[in-house]
Protein backbone atom coordinates (compact mmCIF):
# COMPACT_ATOMS: atom_id res chain seq x y z
CA MET A 1 27.36 -23.07 36.65
CA VAL A 2 24.25 -22.05 37.51
CA LEU A 3 21.51 -19.63 36.59
CA ASP A 4 21.55 -15.94 38.10
CA PRO A 5 19.75 -16.08 41.59
CA ASP A 6 18.34 -12.44 40.92
CA ALA A 7 14.89 -13.20 40.58
CA GLN A 8 14.64 -10.03 38.48
CA ILE A 9 17.68 -11.31 36.19
CA ARG A 10 16.06 -14.68 35.32
CA GLU A 11 12.55 -13.23 35.00
CA VAL A 12 13.47 -10.74 32.02
CA ILE A 13 15.48 -12.77 29.93
CA THR A 14 13.01 -15.52 29.75
CA HIS A 15 10.90 -12.85 28.83
CA PHE A 16 13.21 -11.75 25.98
CA PHE A 17 13.07 -15.32 24.51
CA GLU A 18 9.39 -15.62 24.84
CA THR A 19 8.91 -12.20 23.35
CA PHE A 20 11.58 -13.02 20.32
CA SER A 21 9.11 -16.47 19.98
CA ARG A 22 6.24 -14.77 19.57
CA VAL A 23 7.42 -11.87 16.89
CA GLY A 24 10.36 -13.74 15.12
CA SER A 25 12.71 -10.83 14.81
CA ALA A 26 15.75 -9.25 17.18
CA THR A 27 14.47 -5.88 15.70
CA GLN A 28 10.51 -6.63 16.72
CA THR A 29 11.96 -7.64 20.22
CA VAL A 30 14.23 -4.58 20.95
CA LYS A 31 10.87 -2.85 20.06
CA ALA A 32 9.21 -4.93 22.43
CA PHE A 33 10.83 -4.12 25.03
CA ALA A 34 11.36 -0.24 24.11
CA ARG A 35 7.22 0.20 23.76
CA GLU A 36 6.66 -1.87 27.57
CA GLY A 37 9.37 0.43 29.08
CA LEU A 38 11.78 -2.70 30.01
CA LEU A 39 15.05 -2.86 31.01
CA PHE A 40 17.67 -5.44 30.03
CA PRO A 41 19.89 -6.51 32.49
CA SER A 42 23.73 -5.93 31.51
CA ARG A 43 27.19 -6.79 33.04
CA PHE A 44 30.44 -4.94 33.11
CA ARG A 45 33.10 -6.94 31.58
CA ASN A 46 35.68 -8.33 34.11
CA SER A 47 33.06 -6.94 36.82
CA LYS A 48 30.43 -8.68 38.93
CA ARG A 49 28.19 -5.14 38.63
CA VAL A 50 24.95 -5.57 37.04
CA VAL A 51 23.46 -2.84 35.29
CA PHE A 52 19.89 -2.21 33.82
CA GLN A 53 20.08 -0.59 30.38
CA PRO A 54 17.85 -0.20 27.26
CA LEU A 55 17.47 -3.12 24.93
CA THR A 56 19.95 -2.76 21.83
CA THR A 57 19.74 -4.70 18.72
CA SER A 58 23.41 -5.74 18.96
CA THR A 59 22.75 -6.94 22.56
CA ALA A 60 19.98 -9.12 21.45
CA LEU A 61 22.27 -10.64 18.60
CA ARG A 62 24.51 -11.45 21.08
CA THR A 63 22.30 -13.14 23.89
CA LEU A 64 20.20 -15.07 21.21
CA HIS A 65 23.57 -16.54 19.61
CA ASN A 66 24.77 -17.64 23.22
CA PRO A 67 25.02 -20.69 23.17
CA ARG A 68 25.48 -21.01 27.24
CA TYR A 69 21.46 -19.81 27.47
CA ALA A 70 20.26 -23.11 25.98
CA GLY A 71 22.34 -24.50 28.76
CA VAL A 72 24.85 -25.74 26.65
CA TYR A 73 28.83 -26.12 26.94
CA ALA A 74 30.73 -24.97 23.37
CA TYR A 75 34.21 -24.78 22.56
CA GLY A 76 35.97 -23.58 19.46
CA GLN A 77 33.07 -21.28 18.85
CA ARG A 78 36.20 -19.28 17.14
CA LEU A 79 39.31 -19.50 15.02
CA TYR A 80 41.97 -17.66 15.27
CA ARG A 81 44.55 -16.83 13.14
CA ARG A 82 47.87 -14.85 12.20
CA THR A 83 47.96 -13.12 8.85
CA VAL A 84 50.88 -12.89 6.85
CA ASP A 85 51.58 -9.34 8.48
CA GLY A 86 51.57 -10.62 12.47
CA LYS A 87 47.47 -9.20 12.73
CA LYS A 88 45.37 -11.64 14.61
CA GLN A 89 42.43 -12.56 12.11
CA LEU A 90 38.89 -13.76 13.51
CA ARG A 91 36.61 -16.33 12.14
CA LYS A 92 33.22 -17.71 13.10
CA ARG A 93 32.72 -21.84 12.82
CA GLU A 94 29.67 -22.68 11.89
CA PRO A 95 28.25 -25.34 15.27
CA ASN A 96 29.06 -28.43 13.67
CA GLU A 97 32.31 -27.20 13.40
CA TRP A 98 33.00 -26.45 17.21
CA LEU A 99 35.53 -28.48 19.36
CA ALA A 100 33.32 -29.24 21.58
CA CYS A 101 29.27 -28.98 22.00
CA ILE A 102 27.52 -30.60 25.33
CA PRO A 103 24.01 -29.93 25.19
CA ASP A 104 22.30 -30.11 28.59
CA ALA A 105 25.77 -29.36 30.50
CA HIS A 106 24.44 -26.73 33.28
CA PRO A 107 20.65 -25.18 33.58
CA GLY A 108 19.32 -22.70 31.08
CA TYR A 109 16.48 -20.79 29.69
CA ILE A 110 15.52 -22.32 26.40
CA SER A 111 16.17 -26.08 25.33
CA TRP A 112 18.75 -27.06 22.96
CA GLU A 113 16.22 -27.28 19.66
CA GLN A 114 14.90 -23.57 20.88
CA PHE A 115 18.41 -22.28 20.64
CA GLN A 116 18.74 -24.01 16.59
CA HIS A 117 15.51 -22.81 15.83
CA ASN A 118 15.76 -19.13 17.11
CA LEU A 119 19.61 -19.32 14.92
CA LYS A 120 17.50 -20.42 11.81
CA ALA A 121 14.68 -17.66 12.41
CA LEU A 122 17.52 -15.40 12.37
CA GLU A 123 19.22 -16.71 8.70
CA ALA A 124 16.16 -16.87 7.05
CA ASN A 125 14.99 -13.35 8.09
CA GLY A 126 18.75 -12.15 6.49
CA GLN A 127 17.98 -14.25 3.02
CA GLY A 128 16.22 -12.02 0.76
CA TYR A 129 16.73 -14.70 -2.10
CA GLN A 130 15.09 -17.75 -0.77
CA THR A 131 12.94 -19.23 -2.55
CA ALA A 132 10.51 -20.36 0.14
CA ARG A 133 11.26 -17.61 2.39
CA VAL A 134 9.49 -16.91 5.82
CA SER A 135 10.14 -13.81 7.10
CA PRO A 136 8.65 -12.41 10.37
CA PRO A 137 5.51 -10.27 9.06
CA ARG A 138 6.09 -5.98 9.00
CA GLU A 139 4.41 -3.25 8.47
CA GLY A 140 4.32 -2.71 5.13
CA ALA A 141 1.07 -2.97 2.34
CA ALA A 142 2.30 -6.05 0.73
CA LEU A 143 0.36 -8.89 2.12
CA LEU A 144 1.87 -11.70 0.22
CA GLN A 145 5.39 -10.76 1.87
CA GLY A 146 8.42 -12.95 1.97
CA ARG A 147 5.83 -15.71 0.13
CA VAL A 148 5.48 -15.00 -3.80
CA ILE A 149 7.49 -16.86 -6.28
CA CYS A 150 7.92 -15.95 -9.82
CA GLY A 151 5.98 -18.03 -12.82
CA ARG A 152 8.99 -17.88 -14.56
CA CYS A 153 12.20 -18.57 -12.86
CA GLY A 154 10.84 -19.90 -9.66
CA CYS A 155 12.79 -17.30 -7.53
CA HIS A 156 11.77 -15.47 -4.75
CA MET A 157 9.84 -11.78 -5.79
CA ARG A 158 10.79 -9.17 -3.97
CA ALA A 159 8.44 -6.52 -2.23
CA ARG A 160 8.50 -2.63 -3.33
CA TYR A 161 6.90 0.52 -2.29
CA VAL A 162 6.41 3.46 -4.69
CA ILE A 163 4.81 6.83 -4.20
CA ARG A 164 2.91 7.84 -6.89
CA ARG A 165 0.60 10.53 -6.94
CA GLY A 166 0.63 11.04 -3.11
CA GLN A 167 -0.11 7.05 -2.28
CA VAL A 168 2.26 3.59 -1.80
CA ASP A 169 1.78 1.66 -4.53
CA THR A 170 3.04 -2.31 -3.90
CA TRP A 171 4.85 -3.89 -6.73
CA TYR A 172 6.59 -7.80 -6.57
CA VAL A 173 9.97 -7.75 -8.75
CA CYS A 174 11.87 -10.17 -9.54
CA SER A 175 14.79 -8.60 -9.67
CA ARG A 176 17.59 -11.51 -9.00
CA ALA A 177 18.97 -11.83 -12.26
CA TYR A 178 19.19 -8.16 -12.50
CA VAL A 179 21.15 -7.65 -8.77
CA SER A 180 22.84 -11.23 -10.17
CA ARG A 181 23.86 -10.97 -14.24
CA GLY A 182 22.95 -7.65 -14.76
CA GLU A 183 19.71 -8.98 -17.40
CA PRO A 184 16.00 -7.07 -16.76
CA HIS A 185 13.90 -8.06 -14.78
CA CYS A 186 12.36 -11.12 -14.47
CA GLN A 187 8.73 -9.61 -14.39
CA SER A 188 7.52 -6.98 -12.31
CA ILE A 189 3.64 -7.27 -11.18
CA ALA A 190 1.57 -4.31 -9.09
CA GLY A 191 1.21 -5.84 -5.80
CA TRP A 192 -2.25 -4.43 -4.71
CA PRO A 193 -4.65 -6.32 -7.07
CA VAL A 194 -2.95 -9.67 -6.37
CA ASP A 195 -2.94 -8.42 -2.54
CA GLU A 196 -7.13 -7.71 -3.03
CA ALA A 197 -7.98 -10.71 -4.58
CA ALA A 198 -6.03 -13.34 -1.85
CA GLY A 199 -7.45 -11.19 0.77
CA GLU A 200 -10.98 -11.87 -0.59
CA LEU A 201 -9.95 -15.60 -0.95
CA ILE A 202 -9.01 -15.62 2.62
CA ALA A 203 -12.05 -14.20 3.91
CA ALA A 204 -14.24 -16.23 2.13
CA GLU A 205 -12.71 -19.54 2.82
CA MET A 206 -11.73 -19.03 6.42
CA THR A 207 -14.45 -20.44 8.55
CA PRO A 208 -15.54 -18.71 11.96
CA ALA A 209 -13.70 -19.57 15.36
CA ALA A 210 -14.80 -21.18 17.85
CA VAL A 211 -15.35 -18.61 21.02
CA GLU A 212 -13.04 -20.63 23.17
CA LEU A 213 -10.35 -19.07 20.62
CA ALA A 214 -10.88 -15.54 21.44
CA LEU A 215 -11.19 -16.27 25.01
CA GLU A 216 -7.86 -17.84 24.36
CA ILE A 217 -6.72 -14.78 22.78
CA ARG A 218 -8.01 -12.64 25.59
CA LYS A 219 -6.15 -14.65 28.33
CA GLU A 220 -3.02 -14.78 26.46
CA ILE A 221 -2.78 -11.18 26.35
CA GLU A 222 -4.08 -10.07 29.65
CA ALA A 223 -1.21 -12.70 30.49
CA ARG A 224 1.12 -11.43 28.21
CA TYR A 225 -0.09 -7.84 30.39
CA ASP A 226 0.73 -9.35 33.64
CA GLU A 227 3.84 -10.71 32.87
CA ALA A 228 5.41 -7.13 31.57
CA ASP A 229 3.40 -5.79 34.87
CA LYS A 230 5.61 -7.82 37.27
CA LEU A 231 8.61 -7.27 35.58
CA ARG A 232 8.45 -3.25 36.47
CA LEU A 233 7.22 -4.24 39.94
CA ARG A 234 10.98 -6.49 40.02
CA ALA A 235 12.45 -3.20 39.00
CA VAL A 236 10.29 -1.14 41.82
CA GLU A 237 11.24 -3.86 44.53
CA ARG A 238 14.92 -3.34 43.62
CA ALA A 239 14.68 0.32 43.85
CA GLN A 240 13.52 -0.13 46.78
CA ILE A 241 15.87 -2.26 48.73
CA ASP A 242 18.87 0.47 47.16
CA ALA A 243 16.85 3.03 49.20
CA ASP A 244 16.18 1.02 52.13
CA LEU A 245 20.38 0.54 51.87
CA ALA A 246 20.87 4.07 51.65
CA GLN A 247 18.91 4.87 54.77
CA ARG A 248 20.52 2.32 56.59
CA ARG A 249 23.83 3.77 55.49
CA PHE A 250 22.43 7.47 56.75
CA MET A 251 21.41 6.31 60.11
CA LEU A 252 24.96 4.26 60.64
CA VAL A 253 26.46 7.54 59.88
CA ASP A 254 28.52 9.76 62.91
CA PRO A 255 26.66 12.98 63.40
CA ASN A 256 29.33 15.12 63.68
CA SER A 257 30.58 13.64 60.29
CA ARG A 258 28.77 16.58 58.56
CA LEU A 259 30.75 15.98 55.18
CA VAL A 260 30.02 12.12 55.03
CA ALA A 261 26.69 12.78 56.27
CA ASP A 262 25.69 15.34 53.60
CA THR A 263 26.85 12.51 50.53
CA LEU A 264 24.83 9.86 52.37
CA GLU A 265 22.16 12.27 52.78
CA ARG A 266 22.28 13.22 49.05
CA GLU A 267 22.40 8.97 48.04
CA TRP A 268 19.26 8.57 49.65
CA ASN A 269 17.41 11.27 48.39
CA ASP A 270 18.42 10.24 45.09
CA LYS A 271 17.33 6.36 45.49
CA LEU A 272 13.91 7.65 47.22
CA ARG A 273 13.33 9.80 43.91
CA MET A 274 14.31 6.81 41.43
CA LEU A 275 11.74 4.60 43.61
CA ALA A 276 9.15 7.32 42.69
CA ASP A 277 9.56 7.27 39.24
CA LEU A 278 9.65 3.64 38.87
CA ARG A 279 6.38 3.54 41.11
CA GLU A 280 5.09 6.40 38.75
CA GLU A 281 6.10 4.52 35.27
CA ARG A 282 4.86 1.62 36.81
CA GLU A 283 1.50 2.89 37.29
CA SER A 284 1.09 4.73 34.20
CA ALA A 285 1.68 1.99 32.36
CA LEU A 286 -1.25 0.02 34.03
CA ARG A 287 -3.48 2.45 33.06
CA GLU A 288 -2.07 2.35 29.48
CA ASP A 289 -2.58 -1.40 29.23
CA ARG A 290 -6.32 -0.98 31.26
CA ALA A 291 -7.12 1.59 28.35
CA THR A 292 -6.21 -0.93 25.52
CA PHE A 293 -7.47 -4.08 26.69
CA ASP A 294 -10.95 -2.02 27.23
CA ASP A 295 -14.58 -3.35 25.90
CA ALA A 296 -13.30 -2.09 22.39
CA ILE A 297 -11.14 -4.99 21.89
CA ARG A 298 -13.04 -7.60 23.98
CA ASP A 299 -15.96 -6.37 21.48
CA ARG A 300 -13.79 -7.01 18.78
CA LEU A 301 -12.39 -11.03 19.93
CA ILE A 302 -15.93 -11.88 20.06
CA ALA A 303 -16.61 -10.47 17.04
CA MET A 304 -14.16 -12.41 15.51
CA THR A 305 -15.84 -15.86 16.17
CA ALA A 306 -18.70 -14.81 14.50
CA ASP A 307 -17.39 -12.62 11.13
CA PHE A 308 -13.58 -13.48 10.26
CA LYS A 309 -14.43 -11.39 7.16
CA THR A 310 -15.72 -8.13 9.03
CA VAL A 311 -12.06 -8.55 10.96
CA TRP A 312 -10.12 -9.00 8.09
CA CYS A 313 -11.16 -5.81 6.69
CA ASP A 314 -11.10 -3.82 9.62
CA PRO A 315 -9.04 -0.71 8.86
CA THR A 316 -7.67 -0.61 12.08
CA LEU A 317 -5.82 -3.98 12.33
CA PRO A 318 -2.12 -3.51 11.06
CA ASN A 319 -1.19 -5.35 8.43
CA ARG A 320 1.27 -7.26 10.59
CA GLU A 321 -1.15 -8.70 11.89
CA ARG A 322 -3.22 -10.34 8.34
CA LYS A 323 -0.23 -11.63 7.91
CA ARG A 324 0.34 -13.64 10.65
CA LEU A 325 -3.05 -14.81 10.03
CA LEU A 326 -2.01 -15.28 6.59
CA ALA A 327 0.95 -17.25 7.63
CA TYR A 328 -0.62 -20.11 9.38
CA LEU A 329 -2.89 -20.61 6.02
CA VAL A 330 -1.13 -19.78 2.83
CA GLU A 331 2.17 -22.14 2.06
CA ASP A 332 3.19 -19.86 -1.20
CA VAL A 333 1.78 -17.51 -4.19
CA THR A 334 3.25 -18.04 -7.20
CA LEU A 335 2.14 -15.11 -9.92
CA LEU A 336 2.77 -15.23 -14.01
CA LYS A 337 2.29 -12.06 -16.01
CA PHE A 338 0.48 -12.20 -19.13
CA GLN A 339 1.00 -9.09 -20.38
CA ALA A 340 -0.85 -9.57 -24.10
CA GLU A 341 -3.69 -10.29 -22.39
CA GLY A 342 -3.38 -8.17 -19.58
CA GLU A 343 -4.24 -10.13 -16.93
CA THR A 344 -1.89 -11.94 -14.11
CA ARG A 345 -2.51 -15.63 -12.97
CA ILE A 346 -1.92 -16.25 -9.12
CA HIS A 347 -1.72 -19.89 -7.73
CA ILE A 348 -2.10 -20.46 -4.05
CA ARG A 349 -0.46 -22.86 -2.18
CA PHE A 350 -2.24 -23.87 1.51
CA ARG A 351 -0.60 -25.19 3.86
CA GLY A 352 -2.90 -28.32 3.49
CA GLY A 353 -1.40 -29.09 0.20
CA ARG A 354 -5.13 -27.65 -1.52
CA THR A 355 -4.18 -24.92 -4.61
CA GLU A 356 -6.48 -22.05 -6.03
CA THR A 357 -6.33 -20.16 -9.21
CA LEU A 358 -7.25 -16.56 -9.26
CA THR A 359 -7.12 -14.32 -12.26
CA THR A 360 -6.77 -10.39 -11.69
CA GLN A 361 -6.54 -7.83 -14.67
CA ASN A 362 -3.12 -5.72 -15.03
CA PRO A 363 -4.37 -2.32 -13.36
CA LYS A 364 -3.36 0.51 -16.53
CA SER A 365 -0.46 2.83 -17.02
CA SER A 366 -1.06 6.69 -16.59
CA ALA A 367 -0.97 6.77 -20.44
CA GLN A 368 -3.89 4.51 -20.31
CA GLN A 369 -5.68 5.43 -17.59
CA VAL A 370 -6.19 9.28 -18.81
CA LYS A 371 -7.25 8.28 -22.40
CA THR A 372 -10.74 8.82 -22.96
CA ARG A 373 -12.47 6.03 -23.04
CA PRO A 374 -13.23 4.34 -26.59
CA GLU A 375 -17.38 4.71 -26.71
CA VAL A 376 -16.94 8.46 -25.40
CA VAL A 377 -14.88 8.84 -28.52
CA GLU A 378 -17.90 7.18 -30.86
CA LEU A 379 -20.66 9.53 -29.63
CA VAL A 380 -18.59 12.43 -30.39
CA ASP A 381 -17.40 11.26 -33.58
CA LYS A 382 -21.45 10.09 -34.41
CA LEU A 383 -22.79 14.11 -33.16
CA LEU A 384 -19.75 15.76 -35.46
CA ASP A 385 -22.69 14.80 -38.43
CA ASP A 386 -25.33 17.57 -37.16
CA HIS A 387 -23.60 19.77 -34.03
CA ILE A 388 -20.64 21.50 -33.84
CA CYS A 389 -17.76 21.75 -31.07
CA ALA A 390 -19.29 24.09 -28.90
CA GLU A 391 -22.94 21.88 -29.29
CA ILE A 392 -21.70 18.51 -28.74
CA ALA A 393 -20.50 19.43 -25.46
CA PRO A 394 -23.26 20.05 -23.37
CA GLU A 395 -24.15 16.69 -24.86
CA CYS A 396 -21.30 14.33 -24.02
CA LYS A 397 -22.98 15.16 -19.75
CA GLY A 398 -22.46 12.45 -17.90
CA ASN A 399 -19.40 10.95 -19.59
CA LEU A 400 -15.94 12.17 -18.10
CA PRO A 401 -12.58 13.18 -20.00
CA GLY A 402 -9.87 11.56 -19.54
CA GLY A 403 -8.07 14.22 -17.65
CA SER A 404 -10.37 13.47 -15.01
CA ALA A 405 -7.90 10.63 -13.83
CA ARG A 406 -5.50 12.85 -12.92
CA ARG A 407 -5.41 14.25 -9.09
CA GLY A 408 -7.52 16.99 -8.15
CA LYS A 409 -9.44 16.96 -11.83
CA ALA A 410 -12.10 14.42 -10.68
CA ASP A 411 -14.99 16.75 -11.62
CA ALA A 412 -13.76 17.63 -14.87
CA GLN A 413 -16.04 18.03 -17.75
CA PHE A 414 -16.35 18.47 -21.40
CA THR A 415 -15.93 21.82 -23.09
CA ASP A 416 -15.67 22.58 -26.63
CA LEU A 417 -11.85 23.40 -26.36
CA ARG A 418 -11.66 19.73 -25.01
CA VAL A 419 -14.16 17.86 -28.17
CA ILE A 420 -11.91 20.12 -30.74
CA TYR A 421 -9.07 18.46 -29.10
CA LEU A 422 -10.49 14.53 -28.95
CA VAL A 423 -11.04 15.84 -32.64
CA LYS A 424 -7.68 16.11 -33.46
CA GLN A 425 -5.76 13.85 -30.88
CA TYR A 426 -8.07 10.96 -32.57
CA GLY A 427 -8.33 12.10 -36.09
CA LEU A 428 -11.92 11.74 -36.41
CA ARG A 429 -13.82 13.74 -39.77
CA SER A 430 -14.47 17.24 -38.75
CA ARG A 431 -17.47 18.76 -39.49
CA TYR A 432 -16.15 20.91 -42.27
CA ASP A 433 -15.32 17.68 -44.30
CA GLY A 434 -18.44 15.44 -43.86
CA LEU A 435 -20.31 18.87 -44.88
CA ARG A 436 -18.25 19.00 -47.72
CA GLU A 437 -18.52 15.14 -48.66
CA ARG A 438 -22.27 16.03 -48.61
CA GLY A 439 -22.42 18.97 -51.25
CA MET A 440 -21.99 21.96 -49.11
CA LEU A 441 -20.41 24.94 -50.81
CA THR A 442 -18.77 27.96 -49.29
CA LYS A 443 -19.51 31.40 -49.61
CA ALA A 444 -17.73 31.91 -52.53
CA GLU A 445 -18.62 28.95 -54.68
CA ALA A 446 -22.38 29.94 -53.73
CA CYS A 447 -21.90 32.95 -54.63
CA ALA A 448 -20.99 32.06 -57.92
CA LYS A 449 -23.02 29.66 -58.30
CA LEU A 450 -26.00 31.69 -57.83
CA GLY A 451 -25.14 34.69 -59.48
CA ILE A 452 -25.03 36.97 -56.08
CA THR A 453 -23.33 38.65 -54.19
CA GLU A 454 -21.94 37.85 -50.28
CA CYS A 455 -24.76 40.23 -48.34
CA THR A 456 -27.62 38.78 -50.37
CA LEU A 457 -26.05 35.49 -49.79
CA VAL A 458 -26.11 35.68 -46.40
CA ARG A 459 -29.94 37.58 -46.79
CA TRP A 460 -30.99 34.59 -48.64
CA ALA A 461 -29.72 32.20 -46.03
CA LYS A 462 -31.60 34.21 -43.60
CA TYR A 463 -34.94 33.98 -44.46
CA GLY A 464 -34.49 30.50 -45.40
CA ILE A 465 -34.68 30.78 -49.31
CA VAL A 466 -30.36 29.11 -49.15
CA LYS A 467 -29.48 26.94 -46.18
CA ARG A 468 -26.64 27.29 -43.98
CA TYR A 469 -24.89 24.73 -42.25
CA ALA A 470 -22.22 25.72 -39.77
CA TYR A 471 -19.25 24.08 -39.06
CA ASN A 472 -17.87 26.40 -35.97
CA GLY A 473 -19.07 29.11 -34.25
CA TYR A 474 -18.35 32.07 -36.70
CA ILE A 475 -18.44 29.71 -40.53
CA GLY A 476 -20.79 28.02 -42.39
CA LEU A 477 -21.27 26.26 -45.87
CA TYR A 478 -24.39 26.58 -48.20
CA LYS A 479 -26.56 24.10 -50.08
CA LEU A 480 -28.35 25.29 -52.55
CA PRO A 481 -32.56 24.50 -52.60
CA GLY A 482 -32.65 20.77 -54.72
CA PRO A 483 -33.53 21.62 -58.65
CA HIS A 484 -35.50 24.82 -58.33
CA VAL A 485 -32.09 27.47 -58.22
CA PRO A 486 -33.34 30.64 -57.15
CA ALA A 487 -32.81 33.70 -58.95
CA LYS A 488 -32.27 36.89 -58.36
CA GLN A 489 -35.13 39.72 -58.37
CA CYS A 490 -36.44 42.99 -57.35
CA SER A 491 -37.74 42.93 -53.78
CA ARG A 492 -39.62 45.85 -53.46
CA TRP A 493 -42.08 44.00 -55.58
CA ASN A 494 -41.32 40.38 -54.37
CA GLN A 495 -40.42 40.89 -50.50
CA LEU A 496 -37.63 37.65 -49.36
CA ALA A 497 -40.68 36.73 -46.42
CA HIS A 498 -42.89 36.44 -49.15
CA ARG A 499 -40.37 34.15 -51.68
CA ALA A 500 -39.44 32.37 -48.60
CA GLU A 501 -42.73 31.18 -48.07
CA ALA A 502 -43.89 30.52 -51.64
CA ILE A 503 -40.10 28.31 -52.08
CA ARG A 504 -41.68 26.07 -48.97
CA ARG A 505 -44.89 25.97 -50.14
CA LEU A 506 -43.46 24.89 -53.15
CA ASN A 507 -41.06 22.02 -51.75
CA SER A 508 -44.06 20.67 -49.56
CA SER A 509 -46.82 19.99 -51.90
CA LYS A 510 -43.91 19.80 -54.80
CA CYS A 511 -46.75 21.07 -57.62
CA SER A 512 -45.98 20.63 -61.55
CA ASP A 513 -47.50 23.61 -62.53
CA LEU A 514 -44.84 25.31 -64.85
CA LYS A 515 -46.50 28.63 -64.82
CA GLU A 516 -46.60 28.77 -61.16
CA ARG A 517 -42.93 27.60 -60.98
CA ALA A 518 -42.20 30.36 -63.66
CA VAL A 519 -43.95 32.79 -61.20
CA VAL A 520 -42.53 31.57 -57.78
């Protein structure tokens, strides 16, 4: 048992295990190979022929579960049994149940400890309800993915994404009781306030990194690009060897055998075209790598040493990278929701054992978001004493109605209809009821009290002999002028304008002359 003599095969397999150690997931490893344009060697069954083809998830899992790549001789990994109907049944055994397991039996690409670590990583990726689950970071918006623990039952909380009003909201849900026993959810907590509070704490607590750290990161990225280019170069060299071999076969053929010569010439042309395609792909990948790692990225790496908060809040930074940074600092986060107080308690436990407690306000429901603020309702109630609804709407300028929280209604303003709806919805005392409580009379009541017609009452209100208070845009109530109730007189000898002026002068001077009062 020796390693494959082909250098390209050895380097691709080594790069495969290094990529898995970096990303921590078989699926992410497949995506990394596809993104870098790398092919994985595969040998046909019962054949020595090796072909290079795109890496698949099943191939990645078989490679990670195969102990031969760790230099281990293993026997008895599977158990075959016959069922009652004669069919063969296969069952995998645990490593501690293998009949034989000899580490370092032959050269390997990884160590036995690294092989066991890879198996534990794969097992952790598939466990959704483990209390302290360490899952590989993904692109989702949930910053505390895989690290949230329910403060009531102690179970692991899952991240859920809900699309509302055109945006994706994150929720942390403790659903193990519901899935296992059909019981209600333990607690469901909005994720964006929790993630924002945790992110601010991390950005504030994180001390600036050293300049050497940025340089090391830069060297690591450059080394990764160089390694990928080295693998592409191996593929070009293999294509060059195949093209040279096809050329030699064509040159050695008898010129008189045109059928054989045409076939060999066609194979030679195919090999040359494949070689040209691989060279073009390598040059294109090199240009993309140089464009990716440009001066802007170098400046960002250097800026990370000066201001970690700027890097953390950079909108171009993927959430996957934030989760990786957070994984080095935070062990787990316990959430406890207080429904009555409208807040959530966040207990953060760092790697070193230190703990921090934060408190965030729970987001309002949709009904609460579109509800008008209490101070605006109080203002409308106060303005109803002296204004009608059409006059209150301009007075509320600067205060937004509750409907402005809806999508596309951010510029909504108060109107008379909105004020009327607000009065009815909150059961405020209407202007009509307020005027009636102050002793105002309707038109019919005022006419009966004064012994005049409605036309005369309207004319008196016009000249100010009787005060009129509107309770909407069309109808009003009337107030009699104090203890001196006016009487109907002939307007030819005592015009209404003169009577109104005399009443105003009388009320202002409060004269006590009985003759003057009688004249008035």
